[in-house]
Protein backbone atom coordinates (compact mmCIF):
# COMPACT_ATOMS: atom_id res chain seq x y z
CA MET A 1 -0.12 0.14 0.23
CA SER A 2 1.12 3.08 -0.62
CA ALA A 3 2.67 5.60 2.46
CA PHE A 4 0.71 8.11 3.47
CA THR A 5 1.69 11.90 3.04
CA TYR A 6 0.36 14.76 4.90
CA GLY A 7 0.04 18.81 4.70
CA MET A 8 -0.88 20.56 7.81
CA GLU A 9 -2.52 24.28 7.78
CA PHE A 10 -2.85 25.79 10.71
CA GLU A 11 -4.88 29.25 10.64
CA VAL A 12 -4.20 31.78 13.34
CA GLU A 13 -4.69 35.27 14.52
CA GLY A 14 -3.25 37.84 16.86
CA ILE A 15 0.24 37.75 14.74
CA SER A 16 1.23 38.30 11.08
CA PRO A 17 2.85 36.21 8.57
CA ASN A 18 6.38 38.32 8.78
CA ARG A 19 6.26 37.73 12.72
CA ALA A 20 4.92 33.89 12.27
CA ALA A 21 8.09 32.84 10.24
CA ALA A 22 10.47 34.59 12.33
CA ALA A 23 9.04 32.67 15.79
CA LEU A 24 9.30 29.84 13.72
CA ASN A 25 12.82 30.47 12.53
CA ALA A 26 14.28 31.99 15.95
CA ASN A 27 13.32 28.58 17.52
CA GLY A 28 14.59 26.36 15.06
CA VAL A 29 11.77 25.38 12.72
CA ASP A 30 12.53 26.48 8.73
CA CYS A 31 10.02 28.74 7.92
CA GLU A 32 9.78 30.68 4.57
CA ARG A 33 7.39 33.94 4.60
CA VAL A 34 5.76 33.96 1.04
CA ASP A 35 3.75 36.77 -0.15
CA SER A 36 1.43 35.13 -2.26
CA ASP A 37 -1.58 33.00 -0.64
CA ILE A 38 -1.03 30.35 -3.56
CA HIS A 39 0.97 27.37 -2.21
CA ASP A 40 3.68 25.97 -3.95
CA ASP A 41 3.60 22.23 -2.97
CA CYS A 42 7.17 21.50 -3.71
CA PHE A 43 9.13 22.61 -0.79
CA ASP A 44 10.83 21.11 2.35
CA SER A 45 10.16 23.86 4.81
CA TRP A 46 6.99 25.46 6.72
CA LYS A 47 5.32 28.66 4.83
CA ALA A 48 3.76 31.34 6.40
CA VAL A 49 1.00 33.54 4.50
CA TYR A 50 -1.55 35.89 4.04
CA ASP A 51 -4.86 34.78 4.33
CA GLY A 52 -7.59 37.48 3.56
CA SER A 53 -10.14 35.40 5.67
CA LEU A 54 -8.42 36.00 8.88
CA ASN A 55 -8.28 39.46 11.18
CA ASN A 56 -4.67 40.05 11.92
CA GLY A 57 -3.59 36.56 11.59
CA ALA A 58 -1.57 34.59 9.24
CA GLU A 59 -1.91 30.60 7.73
CA VAL A 60 0.87 28.48 8.47
CA VAL A 61 1.47 25.67 5.88
CA SER A 62 3.78 22.84 6.12
CA PRO A 63 5.74 21.07 3.92
CA ILE A 64 4.61 17.37 2.92
CA LEU A 65 5.03 15.28 6.03
CA THR A 66 5.31 11.74 6.43
CA ASP A 67 4.17 9.74 9.50
CA ALA A 68 7.81 10.14 11.00
CA ARG A 69 7.58 13.81 10.63
CA LEU A 70 4.25 14.67 12.18
CA ASN A 71 5.79 15.56 15.39
CA GLU A 72 6.94 18.74 13.63
CA ALA A 73 2.91 19.89 14.30
CA SER A 74 3.84 19.91 18.02
CA ALA A 75 6.57 22.21 17.86
CA VAL A 76 5.32 24.71 15.46
CA ALA A 77 1.62 25.44 17.27
CA ARG A 78 4.06 25.65 20.91
CA ILE A 79 6.08 28.31 18.91
CA LEU A 80 2.92 30.03 17.55
CA LYS A 81 1.48 30.06 20.88
CA GLY A 82 4.21 31.60 22.78
CA ALA A 83 4.83 34.47 20.14
CA GLY A 84 1.11 35.22 20.57
CA ALA A 85 -1.11 33.54 18.35
CA ARG A 86 -4.46 32.59 18.96
CA VAL A 87 -7.51 30.77 17.61
CA GLY A 88 -11.17 31.35 17.67
CA ARG A 89 -14.36 30.81 15.48
CA SER A 90 -12.80 32.21 12.55
CA THR A 91 -10.27 29.88 12.24
CA GLY A 92 -9.44 26.40 11.11
CA PHE A 93 -7.05 23.21 10.53
CA HIS A 94 -6.67 21.72 7.59
CA ILE A 95 -5.40 18.17 7.03
CA HIS A 96 -4.10 17.35 3.05
CA ILE A 97 -3.83 13.37 2.37
CA GLY A 98 -1.63 13.07 -0.56
CA PHE A 99 -3.74 11.76 -3.48
CA ASN A 100 -1.63 8.63 -4.15
CA ALA A 101 -1.90 7.50 -0.28
CA PHE A 102 -5.38 5.86 -1.72
CA ALA A 103 -4.12 3.71 -3.72
CA THR A 104 -3.83 -0.22 -2.95
CA GLU A 105 -2.53 -3.17 -5.56
CA THR A 106 -6.03 -4.23 -5.94
CA SER A 107 -7.88 -0.64 -6.34
CA SER A 108 -6.95 2.66 -7.80
CA ALA A 109 -6.76 6.02 -5.88
CA GLY A 110 -9.70 6.87 -7.36
CA GLU A 111 -12.05 3.99 -6.79
CA ASN A 112 -11.03 3.92 -3.10
CA LEU A 113 -11.30 7.67 -2.77
CA SER A 114 -14.66 7.40 -4.20
CA ARG A 115 -15.72 5.13 -1.29
CA PHE A 116 -14.16 7.01 1.23
CA ILE A 117 -16.17 9.91 0.23
CA LEU A 118 -19.32 7.81 0.97
CA ASN A 119 -17.71 6.51 4.24
CA TYR A 120 -16.87 9.95 5.20
CA TYR A 121 -20.02 11.68 4.99
CA ALA A 122 -22.25 8.44 5.89
CA THR A 123 -20.36 8.61 9.64
CA HIS A 124 -20.09 12.80 9.47
CA HIS A 125 -22.23 12.95 12.77
CA ALA A 126 -19.85 10.53 14.48
CA ILE A 127 -17.15 12.61 13.14
CA GLY A 128 -18.86 15.78 13.96
CA ALA A 129 -18.51 14.88 17.50
CA LEU A 130 -14.26 15.59 17.37
CA VAL A 131 -15.03 19.31 16.58
CA ALA A 132 -16.28 22.61 17.97
CA PRO A 133 -19.93 22.43 17.40
CA SER A 134 -19.48 25.66 15.52
CA ARG A 135 -17.64 23.69 12.67
CA LEU A 136 -21.23 22.16 11.71
CA ARG A 137 -22.74 25.55 10.92
CA ASN A 138 -19.70 26.86 8.55
CA ARG A 139 -19.85 28.22 5.04
CA PHE A 140 -16.03 27.31 4.30
CA CYS A 141 -16.94 23.38 5.51
CA GLN A 142 -20.37 22.65 4.04
CA ILE A 143 -21.41 18.83 5.04
CA LEU A 144 -22.69 17.31 1.95
CA ASP A 145 -26.37 14.75 2.58
CA ARG A 146 -26.52 11.22 0.88
CA GLU A 147 -27.49 12.61 -2.67
CA GLY A 148 -24.23 15.18 -2.83
CA ALA A 149 -22.22 12.62 -1.21
CA GLN A 150 -23.36 10.14 -3.80
CA ARG A 151 -22.80 12.56 -6.92
CA GLU A 152 -19.22 13.62 -5.45
CA ALA A 153 -18.56 9.71 -5.36
CA GLU A 154 -19.78 8.70 -8.39
CA TRP A 155 -18.29 11.77 -10.11
CA ILE A 156 -14.28 10.71 -9.03
CA ALA A 157 -15.48 7.11 -9.95
CA ASN A 158 -15.55 8.24 -13.53
CA GLY A 159 -11.83 9.84 -13.70
CA ASN A 160 -12.58 13.77 -12.58
CA LEU A 161 -10.00 15.09 -10.09
CA SER A 162 -12.23 17.74 -8.66
CA SER A 163 -15.30 18.83 -7.11
CA SER A 164 -18.52 17.88 -8.80
CA PHE A 165 -19.62 21.49 -7.58
CA ASN A 166 -16.82 23.16 -8.39
CA SER A 167 -16.06 24.61 -4.88
CA ARG A 168 -13.46 24.06 -1.94
CA TYR A 169 -15.78 25.10 0.74
CA TYR A 170 -16.88 21.65 1.66
CA SER A 171 -15.66 19.42 4.85
CA LEU A 172 -14.11 17.20 2.48
CA ASN A 173 -12.10 19.41 -0.13
CA LEU A 174 -12.15 17.50 -3.73
CA GLU A 175 -10.70 20.88 -5.63
CA SER A 176 -7.57 20.34 -3.89
CA LEU A 177 -7.09 17.30 -6.64
CA ARG A 178 -6.69 19.50 -8.94
CA ARG A 179 -4.84 22.12 -7.04
CA HIS A 180 -2.24 20.19 -5.19
CA GLY A 181 -2.68 16.40 -5.63
CA THR A 182 -4.19 16.26 -2.25
CA VAL A 183 -7.45 15.42 -0.38
CA GLU A 184 -8.47 18.32 2.09
CA ILE A 185 -10.63 18.06 5.30
CA ARG A 186 -11.24 21.32 5.85
CA LEU A 187 -13.80 20.45 8.84
CA HIS A 188 -11.69 20.92 12.04
CA GLN A 189 -11.42 24.41 14.20
CA GLY A 190 -8.25 26.18 14.54
CA THR A 191 -5.90 24.68 17.00
CA LEU A 192 -2.77 25.57 18.71
CA ASN A 193 -2.82 22.11 20.43
CA GLY A 194 0.13 19.73 18.54
CA VAL A 195 -1.11 16.44 20.19
CA LYS A 196 -5.23 17.27 18.87
CA ALA A 197 -3.41 18.33 15.67
CA ILE A 198 -1.65 14.98 15.13
CA ALA A 199 -4.62 12.79 16.46
CA TRP A 200 -6.69 14.47 14.21
CA ALA A 201 -4.75 13.38 11.06
CA GLN A 202 -4.33 10.02 12.27
CA PHE A 203 -7.78 9.70 12.70
CA VAL A 204 -8.60 10.93 9.34
CA ALA A 205 -5.99 8.61 8.31
CA SER A 206 -7.09 5.49 9.42
CA LEU A 207 -10.73 6.15 8.59
CA ILE A 208 -8.73 5.92 5.13
CA THR A 209 -6.94 2.86 5.87
CA ALA A 210 -10.25 1.42 6.67
CA THR A 211 -11.48 2.13 3.54
CA LYS A 212 -8.78 0.88 1.67
CA ARG A 213 -9.25 -2.39 3.26
CA GLY A 214 -13.32 -2.54 2.39
CA TYR A 215 -14.91 -1.30 5.25
CA ASP A 216 -18.30 -0.25 4.30
CA LEU A 217 -19.58 2.36 6.51
CA THR A 218 -22.92 3.21 4.84
CA ASP A 219 -24.45 -0.23 5.31
CA GLY A 220 -24.76 0.34 8.89
CA SER A 221 -23.28 -2.47 10.41
CA VAL A 222 -21.07 -0.18 12.73
CA ILE A 223 -23.06 2.83 13.27
CA ALA A 224 -26.78 4.19 11.64
CA PRO A 225 -25.18 6.13 8.67
CA TRP A 226 -26.59 9.35 6.91
CA ALA A 227 -27.93 11.70 9.66
CA PRO A 228 -29.73 14.26 8.18
CA VAL A 229 -28.03 17.44 6.80
CA VAL A 230 -30.06 20.94 6.58
CA ARG A 231 -28.24 23.91 4.63
CA GLY A 232 -24.72 22.25 4.24
CA GLY A 233 -24.52 21.88 8.30
CA GLY A 234 -24.69 18.97 10.22
CA THR A 235 -25.15 17.30 13.37
CA LYS A 236 -22.98 15.69 16.13
CA ASP A 237 -23.13 11.98 17.86
CA SER A 238 -20.72 11.26 20.54
CA GLU A 239 -21.82 8.02 21.07
CA ALA A 240 -21.68 7.00 17.23
CA CYS A 241 -17.99 8.80 17.51
CA ARG A 242 -16.59 6.07 20.07
CA THR A 243 -18.40 3.16 18.65
CA LEU A 244 -16.60 4.35 15.48
CA ILE A 245 -13.19 4.88 16.80
CA SER A 246 -13.51 1.70 18.77
CA ALA A 247 -13.97 -0.07 15.79
CA LEU A 248 -11.04 1.37 14.08
CA MET A 249 -9.21 0.27 17.07
CA GLY A 250 -10.42 -3.11 17.37
CA ALA A 251 -9.24 -3.32 13.46
CA GLY A 252 -5.74 -2.22 14.09
CA ASP A 253 -6.62 0.94 11.89
CA ILE A 254 -5.97 3.32 14.51
CA LYS A 255 -3.19 2.76 17.49
CA PRO A 256 -4.94 2.62 20.89
CA ALA A 257 -3.11 5.77 22.92
CA THR A 258 -4.56 7.76 19.88
CA GLY A 259 -8.03 5.92 19.78
CA ASP A 260 -8.65 6.83 23.56
CA TRP A 261 -7.58 10.07 23.31
CA LEU A 262 -10.02 10.68 20.39
CA ARG A 263 -12.78 8.75 22.58
CA ASN A 264 -12.05 10.88 25.69
CA ARG A 265 -11.70 14.41 23.25
CA ALA A 266 -15.07 13.47 22.20
CA ASP A 267 -16.34 12.73 25.83
CA LEU A 268 -14.99 16.34 26.59
CA LEU A 269 -16.73 18.07 24.27
CA ASN A 270 -20.17 16.67 24.44
CA GLY A 271 -20.34 15.90 28.31
């Protein structure tokens, strides 16, 4: 199976791109200050870029990361927080997964991505228990209902590398395929907690791993799928979240320590 590659985007406020880059470089993290918000994917350092959606803020973008480099997120989050960065309702934390990671010896990346779209949206009410409630009613990460997810899945299955809706502002952004060769998950709220950032990346990877080995989360065998979606907004179900994570742990798709942390996170958010 293809190895996972990740990209991380920390949206923060209270700090300029110049200051963010300077703080990271001063603390041993190689970071380039970039004038454009159009990301160049061929780089090995972090980048600090302007983001017009933020008030006195910056978007700090990782290089292409492997599992061995995910821990860089902890240092970056700690340094940014120490330099005065903060997060709030207007900030997000986005994860990119390289398209090639969806491929297996028996199925193409497109075939598995098509199935992942259905698994992701069918269990979105469980996934939603891991994020702030404000993210479930956010125009920058809209949630597809069953019909919309099936449309996207069919679009990808037919060989398209983009979104059938021609927009990146969905919980699962497929326009990123065309721009960066990645699938972007936009659902998570802004964070400066490195443990949380890494756990979220590993959770997303576990859902993809489950899909690649043939797990069908749309059939109701794990949790009841397809909670109602109203005008691009979704719901959350902490019990379904715990059940889903337990199933992923039992199958070996996610490490027990990460799974336990995520289940506790769901309880804390929804207790």
